[in-house]
Amino acid sequence: MEVKNILIVGVGGQGTLLASKLMGKCFLQQGYDVKVSEVHGMSQRGGSVVTYVRYGEKVYSPVIEKGEADIIISFEQLESARWLPWLKKDGVLISSTQKIDPMPVIMGKSEYPESILSKISDKEVKLVCVDALEKALEAGTAKCANIVLLGAAARFLGTDKEMWLDIIKTTVPPKTVETNLKAFELGFNA
């Protein structure tokens, strides 16, 4: 099997690292060689965070170059635009519809760009928009928007849904299992 490349992108505190951990476990359970690499850019202050997930028969490097990602899972609209150059032509971009103002917008030095997702939909990519925040709240807490997006992505990964549910049960804190399972289901059916 050729190596598959997935970028998980968002803003610090959105749960991108947990999402990559769950994804890595899923691919390992399927017998793939998996490499996961995290890059934090001022993540504790709401900065950009990206995780590279690569899996296949044999993976030599954890880094994904521009134009090589098969799938990008974006937790925020502006991050979708920022990382779009890394997506292959005809790749899949799964984006939350959530907007989080970056520091220049908060400080009044710039404005949040308009119509980001509609502009992306004009590109040669498959765009899947998910109101992950709304679905997370429906599951019980905004903190599980990351799991909603994993559920949406699972449909494109050719992975067994039950395997995901088992991995969630054994990875997230016990008191959050039911909420995360519901969030995954809501994302999977989005």
C-alpha atoms as a PDB file:
ATOM      1  CA  MET A   1       0.000   0.000   0.000  1.00  0.00           C
ATOM      2  CA  GLU A   2       1.270   3.458  -0.855  1.00  0.00           C
ATOM      3  CA  VAL A   3       1.774   5.870   2.001  1.00  0.00           C
ATOM      4  CA  LYS A   4      -1.248   8.011   2.888  1.00  0.00           C
ATOM      5  CA  ASN A   5      -0.801  11.519   4.279  1.00  0.00           C
ATOM      6  CA  ILE A   6      -3.138  13.342   6.648  1.00  0.00           C
ATOM      7  CA  LEU A   7      -2.754  16.800   8.170  1.00  0.00           C
ATOM      8  CA  ILE A   8      -4.683  17.715  11.284  1.00  0.00           C
ATOM      9  CA  VAL A   9      -4.680  21.485  11.713  1.00  0.00           C
ATOM     10  CA  GLY A  10      -6.199  23.876  14.195  1.00  0.00           C
ATOM     11  CA  VAL A  11      -5.582  26.351  16.945  1.00  0.00           C
ATOM     12  CA  GLY A  12      -3.970  25.597  20.287  1.00  0.00           C
ATOM     13  CA  GLY A  13      -6.409  24.019  22.727  1.00  0.00           C
ATOM     14  CA  GLN A  14      -8.755  22.506  20.135  1.00  0.00           C
ATOM     15  CA  GLY A  15      -7.643  18.913  20.654  1.00  0.00           C
ATOM     16  CA  THR A  16      -5.584  18.312  17.523  1.00  0.00           C
ATOM     17  CA  LEU A  17      -3.040  16.277  19.486  1.00  0.00           C
ATOM     18  CA  LEU A  18      -5.667  13.929  20.928  1.00  0.00           C
ATOM     19  CA  ALA A  19      -7.136  13.512  17.457  1.00  0.00           C
ATOM     20  CA  SER A  20      -3.740  12.539  16.026  1.00  0.00           C
ATOM     21  CA  LYS A  21      -3.129  10.128  18.898  1.00  0.00           C
ATOM     22  CA  LEU A  22      -6.454   8.383  18.243  1.00  0.00           C
ATOM     23  CA  MET A  23      -5.775   8.277  14.507  1.00  0.00           C
ATOM     24  CA  GLY A  24      -2.287   6.844  15.010  1.00  0.00           C
ATOM     25  CA  LYS A  25      -3.696   4.090  17.249  1.00  0.00           C
ATOM     26  CA  CYS A  26      -6.331   3.242  14.653  1.00  0.00           C
ATOM     27  CA  PHE A  27      -3.783   2.782  11.867  1.00  0.00           C
ATOM     28  CA  LEU A  28      -1.407   0.827  14.128  1.00  0.00           C
ATOM     29  CA  GLN A  29      -4.224  -1.578  14.985  1.00  0.00           C
ATOM     30  CA  GLN A  30      -4.690  -2.173  11.274  1.00  0.00           C
ATOM     31  CA  GLY A  31      -1.050  -3.212  10.993  1.00  0.00           C
ATOM     32  CA  TYR A  32       0.301  -0.144   9.225  1.00  0.00           C
ATOM     33  CA  ASP A  33       3.605   1.564   9.845  1.00  0.00           C
ATOM     34  CA  VAL A  34       2.617   4.956  11.283  1.00  0.00           C
ATOM     35  CA  LYS A  35       4.537   8.182  11.808  1.00  0.00           C
ATOM     36  CA  VAL A  36       3.030  11.112  13.707  1.00  0.00           C
ATOM     37  CA  SER A  37       4.760  14.468  14.099  1.00  0.00           C
ATOM     38  CA  GLU A  38       3.474  17.585  15.858  1.00  0.00           C
ATOM     39  CA  VAL A  39       4.375  21.194  15.240  1.00  0.00           C
ATOM     40  CA  HIS A  40       3.287  23.786  17.788  1.00  0.00           C
ATOM     41  CA  GLY A  41       3.265  27.455  16.826  1.00  0.00           C
ATOM     42  CA  MET A  42       2.503  29.434  19.962  1.00  0.00           C
ATOM     43  CA  SER A  43      -0.225  26.872  20.565  1.00  0.00           C
ATOM     44  CA  GLN A  44      -0.777  27.877  24.177  1.00  0.00           C
ATOM     45  CA  ARG A  45      -1.717  31.367  23.011  1.00  0.00           C
ATOM     46  CA  GLY A  46      -4.184  30.289  20.353  1.00  0.00           C
ATOM     47  CA  GLY A  47      -1.593  29.897  17.609  1.00  0.00           C
ATOM     48  CA  SER A  48      -1.592  27.420  14.756  1.00  0.00           C
ATOM     49  CA  VAL A  49      -0.995  23.739  15.495  1.00  0.00           C
ATOM     50  CA  VAL A  50      -0.403  21.076  12.849  1.00  0.00           C
ATOM     51  CA  THR A  51       0.034  17.336  13.183  1.00  0.00           C
ATOM     52  CA  TYR A  52       1.314  15.151  10.373  1.00  0.00           C
ATOM     53  CA  VAL A  53      -0.042  11.592  10.264  1.00  0.00           C
ATOM     54  CA  ARG A  54       1.471   9.233   7.690  1.00  0.00           C
ATOM     55  CA  TYR A  55       0.656   5.549   7.367  1.00  0.00           C
ATOM     56  CA  GLY A  56       1.304   2.704   4.960  1.00  0.00           C
ATOM     57  CA  GLU A  57       3.350  -0.446   4.527  1.00  0.00           C
ATOM     58  CA  LYS A  58       6.576   1.430   5.345  1.00  0.00           C
ATOM     59  CA  VAL A  59       6.835   5.115   6.276  1.00  0.00           C
ATOM     60  CA  TYR A  60      10.299   6.670   6.428  1.00  0.00           C
ATOM     61  CA  SER A  61       9.547  10.278   7.360  1.00  0.00           C
ATOM     62  CA  PRO A  62       6.825  11.938   9.423  1.00  0.00           C
ATOM     63  CA  VAL A  63       6.803  15.148   7.374  1.00  0.00           C
ATOM     64  CA  ILE A  64       4.277  15.957   4.655  1.00  0.00           C
ATOM     65  CA  GLU A  65       5.380  18.354   1.922  1.00  0.00           C
ATOM     66  CA  LYS A  66       3.175  20.847   0.074  1.00  0.00           C
ATOM     67  CA  GLY A  67       0.809  19.135  -2.356  1.00  0.00           C
ATOM     68  CA  GLU A  68       1.148  15.708  -0.705  1.00  0.00           C
ATOM     69  CA  ALA A  69      -1.724  15.509   1.812  1.00  0.00           C
ATOM     70  CA  ASP A  70      -4.521  13.133   0.865  1.00  0.00           C
ATOM     71  CA  ILE A  71      -6.736  14.559   3.611  1.00  0.00           C
ATOM     72  CA  ILE A  72      -6.650  17.687   5.736  1.00  0.00           C
ATOM     73  CA  ILE A  73      -8.799  17.793   8.854  1.00  0.00           C
ATOM     74  CA  SER A  74      -9.150  21.429   9.854  1.00  0.00           C
ATOM     75  CA  PHE A  75     -10.592  22.528  13.176  1.00  0.00           C
ATOM     76  CA  GLU A  76     -11.007  26.163  12.087  1.00  0.00           C
ATOM     77  CA  GLN A  77     -11.743  27.976   8.809  1.00  0.00           C
ATOM     78  CA  LEU A  78      -8.648  30.183   8.641  1.00  0.00           C
ATOM     79  CA  GLU A  79      -6.466  27.119   9.248  1.00  0.00           C
ATOM     80  CA  SER A  80      -8.211  25.465   6.272  1.00  0.00           C
ATOM     81  CA  ALA A  81      -7.044  28.315   4.052  1.00  0.00           C
ATOM     82  CA  ARG A  82      -3.562  28.402   5.588  1.00  0.00           C
ATOM     83  CA  TRP A  83      -2.867  24.703   5.010  1.00  0.00           C
ATOM     84  CA  LEU A  84      -4.736  24.252   1.696  1.00  0.00           C
ATOM     85  CA  PRO A  85      -1.459  24.307  -0.334  1.00  0.00           C
ATOM     86  CA  TRP A  86      -0.475  21.031   1.367  1.00  0.00           C
ATOM     87  CA  LEU A  87      -3.517  19.208  -0.078  1.00  0.00           C
ATOM     88  CA  LYS A  88      -3.185  17.108  -3.223  1.00  0.00           C
ATOM     89  CA  LYS A  89      -5.231  18.020  -6.256  1.00  0.00           C
ATOM     90  CA  ASP A  90      -8.570  16.234  -5.730  1.00  0.00           C
ATOM     91  CA  GLY A  91      -7.704  15.715  -2.039  1.00  0.00           C
ATOM     92  CA  VAL A  92     -10.286  15.908   0.745  1.00  0.00           C
ATOM     93  CA  LEU A  93     -10.526  18.888   3.088  1.00  0.00           C
ATOM     94  CA  ILE A  94     -12.750  18.276   6.102  1.00  0.00           C
ATOM     95  CA  SER A  95     -13.268  21.651   7.744  1.00  0.00           C
ATOM     96  CA  SER A  96     -15.099  22.803  10.801  1.00  0.00           C
ATOM     97  CA  THR A  97     -17.190  25.869  10.123  1.00  0.00           C
ATOM     98  CA  GLN A  98     -15.886  27.383  13.365  1.00  0.00           C
ATOM     99  CA  LYS A  99     -14.077  30.731  13.292  1.00  0.00           C
ATOM    100  CA  ILE A 100     -11.535  31.670  15.955  1.00  0.00           C
ATOM    101  CA  ASP A 101     -10.145  35.177  15.751  1.00  0.00           C
ATOM    102  CA  PRO A 102      -6.332  35.232  15.586  1.00  0.00           C
ATOM    103  CA  MET A 103      -4.435  37.817  17.642  1.00  0.00           C
ATOM    104  CA  PRO A 104      -4.272  40.506  14.886  1.00  0.00           C
ATOM    105  CA  VAL A 105      -8.082  40.384  14.621  1.00  0.00           C
ATOM    106  CA  ILE A 106      -8.507  40.458  18.404  1.00  0.00           C
ATOM    107  CA  MET A 107      -6.205  43.495  18.577  1.00  0.00           C
ATOM    108  CA  GLY A 108      -8.177  45.261  15.814  1.00  0.00           C
ATOM    109  CA  LYS A 109      -5.214  45.336  13.404  1.00  0.00           C
ATOM    110  CA  SER A 110      -6.961  43.236  10.742  1.00  0.00           C
ATOM    111  CA  GLU A 111     -10.284  41.632   9.938  1.00  0.00           C
ATOM    112  CA  TYR A 112     -11.169  37.961   9.765  1.00  0.00           C
ATOM    113  CA  PRO A 113     -11.334  37.032   6.053  1.00  0.00           C
ATOM    114  CA  GLU A 114     -14.797  36.677   4.557  1.00  0.00           C
ATOM    115  CA  SER A 115     -16.225  33.612   2.786  1.00  0.00           C
ATOM    116  CA  ILE A 116     -13.174  31.395   3.356  1.00  0.00           C
ATOM    117  CA  LEU A 117     -14.953  28.089   2.816  1.00  0.00           C
ATOM    118  CA  SER A 118     -16.882  29.245  -0.247  1.00  0.00           C
ATOM    119  CA  LYS A 119     -13.602  30.409  -1.817  1.00  0.00           C
ATOM    120  CA  ILE A 120     -12.028  27.024  -1.044  1.00  0.00           C
ATOM    121  CA  SER A 121     -15.004  25.230  -2.613  1.00  0.00           C
ATOM    122  CA  ASP A 122     -13.999  26.806  -5.947  1.00  0.00           C
ATOM    123  CA  LYS A 123     -10.669  24.929  -5.845  1.00  0.00           C
ATOM    124  CA  GLU A 124     -10.013  21.407  -7.145  1.00  0.00           C
ATOM    125  CA  VAL A 125     -10.593  19.725  -3.792  1.00  0.00           C
ATOM    126  CA  LYS A 126     -13.409  17.851  -2.159  1.00  0.00           C
ATOM    127  CA  LEU A 127     -14.599  20.125   0.653  1.00  0.00           C
ATOM    128  CA  VAL A 128     -16.626  18.690   3.511  1.00  0.00           C
ATOM    129  CA  CYS A 129     -17.923  21.346   5.919  1.00  0.00           C
ATOM    130  CA  VAL A 130     -19.014  20.252   9.384  1.00  0.00           C
ATOM    131  CA  ASP A 131     -20.462  22.421  12.120  1.00  0.00           C
ATOM    132  CA  ALA A 132     -18.308  20.532  14.604  1.00  0.00           C
ATOM    133  CA  LEU A 133     -18.932  22.973  17.438  1.00  0.00           C
ATOM    134  CA  GLU A 134     -22.712  22.622  17.163  1.00  0.00           C
ATOM    135  CA  LYS A 135     -22.478  18.830  17.030  1.00  0.00           C
ATOM    136  CA  ALA A 136     -20.058  18.792  19.966  1.00  0.00           C
ATOM    137  CA  LEU A 137     -22.520  20.831  22.018  1.00  0.00           C
ATOM    138  CA  GLU A 138     -25.228  18.384  20.990  1.00  0.00           C
ATOM    139  CA  ALA A 139     -23.003  15.582  22.318  1.00  0.00           C
ATOM    140  CA  GLY A 140     -22.587  17.425  25.608  1.00  0.00           C
ATOM    141  CA  THR A 141     -19.537  19.720  25.453  1.00  0.00           C
ATOM    142  CA  ALA A 142     -17.705  21.993  23.027  1.00  0.00           C
ATOM    143  CA  LYS A 143     -14.487  20.199  24.012  1.00  0.00           C
ATOM    144  CA  CYS A 144     -15.309  17.201  21.798  1.00  0.00           C
ATOM    145  CA  ALA A 145     -15.458  19.070  18.466  1.00  0.00           C
ATOM    146  CA  ASN A 146     -12.188  17.289  17.638  1.00  0.00           C
ATOM    147  CA  ILE A 147     -13.922  13.911  17.974  1.00  0.00           C
ATOM    148  CA  VAL A 148     -16.807  15.118  15.780  1.00  0.00           C
ATOM    149  CA  LEU A 149     -14.260  15.906  13.052  1.00  0.00           C
ATOM    150  CA  LEU A 150     -12.580  12.513  13.488  1.00  0.00           C
ATOM    151  CA  GLY A 151     -15.971  10.901  13.002  1.00  0.00           C
ATOM    152  CA  ALA A 152     -16.468  12.852   9.781  1.00  0.00           C
ATOM    153  CA  ALA A 153     -12.966  11.894   8.598  1.00  0.00           C
ATOM    154  CA  ALA A 154     -13.423   8.196   9.390  1.00  0.00           C
ATOM    155  CA  ARG A 155     -15.805   7.891   6.450  1.00  0.00           C
ATOM    156  CA  PHE A 156     -12.951   8.810   4.076  1.00  0.00           C
ATOM    157  CA  LEU A 157     -10.285   6.640   5.687  1.00  0.00           C
ATOM    158  CA  GLY A 158     -11.636   3.187   4.872  1.00  0.00           C
ATOM    159  CA  THR A 159     -11.450   2.262   8.546  1.00  0.00           C
ATOM    160  CA  ASP A 160     -13.853   0.257  10.671  1.00  0.00           C
ATOM    161  CA  LYS A 161     -16.186   2.444  12.727  1.00  0.00           C
ATOM    162  CA  GLU A 162     -16.256  -0.068  15.599  1.00  0.00           C
ATOM    163  CA  MET A 163     -12.455   0.067  15.822  1.00  0.00           C
ATOM    164  CA  TRP A 164     -12.640   3.839  16.266  1.00  0.00           C
ATOM    165  CA  LEU A 165     -15.237   3.474  19.004  1.00  0.00           C
ATOM    166  CA  ASP A 166     -13.084   0.912  20.838  1.00  0.00           C
ATOM    167  CA  ILE A 167     -10.015   3.173  20.591  1.00  0.00           C
ATOM    168  CA  ILE A 168     -11.990   6.126  21.942  1.00  0.00           C
ATOM    169  CA  LYS A 169     -13.235   3.995  24.868  1.00  0.00           C
ATOM    170  CA  THR A 170      -9.686   3.010  25.831  1.00  0.00           C
ATOM    171  CA  THR A 171      -7.970   6.358  25.227  1.00  0.00           C
ATOM    172  CA  VAL A 172     -10.117   9.224  26.520  1.00  0.00           C
ATOM    173  CA  PRO A 173     -10.645   9.751  30.271  1.00  0.00           C
ATOM    174  CA  PRO A 174     -13.349   7.362  31.570  1.00  0.00           C
ATOM    175  CA  LYS A 175     -15.737  10.160  32.584  1.00  0.00           C
ATOM    176  CA  THR A 176     -15.744  11.513  28.993  1.00  0.00           C
ATOM    177  CA  VAL A 177     -16.224   8.223  27.117  1.00  0.00           C
ATOM    178  CA  GLU A 178     -19.979   8.501  26.487  1.00  0.00           C
ATOM    179  CA  THR A 179     -19.776  12.118  25.344  1.00  0.00           C
ATOM    180  CA  ASN A 180     -16.896  11.334  22.976  1.00  0.00           C
ATOM    181  CA  LEU A 181     -18.677   8.277  21.550  1.00  0.00           C
ATOM    182  CA  LYS A 182     -21.753  10.385  20.853  1.00  0.00           C
ATOM    183  CA  ALA A 183     -19.569  13.103  19.278  1.00  0.00           C
ATOM    184  CA  PHE A 184     -17.905  10.538  17.003  1.00  0.00           C
ATOM    185  CA  GLU A 185     -21.283   9.183  15.895  1.00  0.00           C
ATOM    186  CA  LEU A 186     -22.582  12.697  15.190  1.00  0.00           C
ATOM    187  CA  GLY A 187     -19.510  13.434  13.078  1.00  0.00           C
ATOM    188  CA  PHE A 188     -19.648  10.097  11.293  1.00  0.00           C
ATOM    189  CA  ASN A 189     -23.262  10.738  10.314  1.00  0.00           C
ATOM    190  CA  ALA A 190     -22.739  14.417   9.449  1.00  0.00           C
END
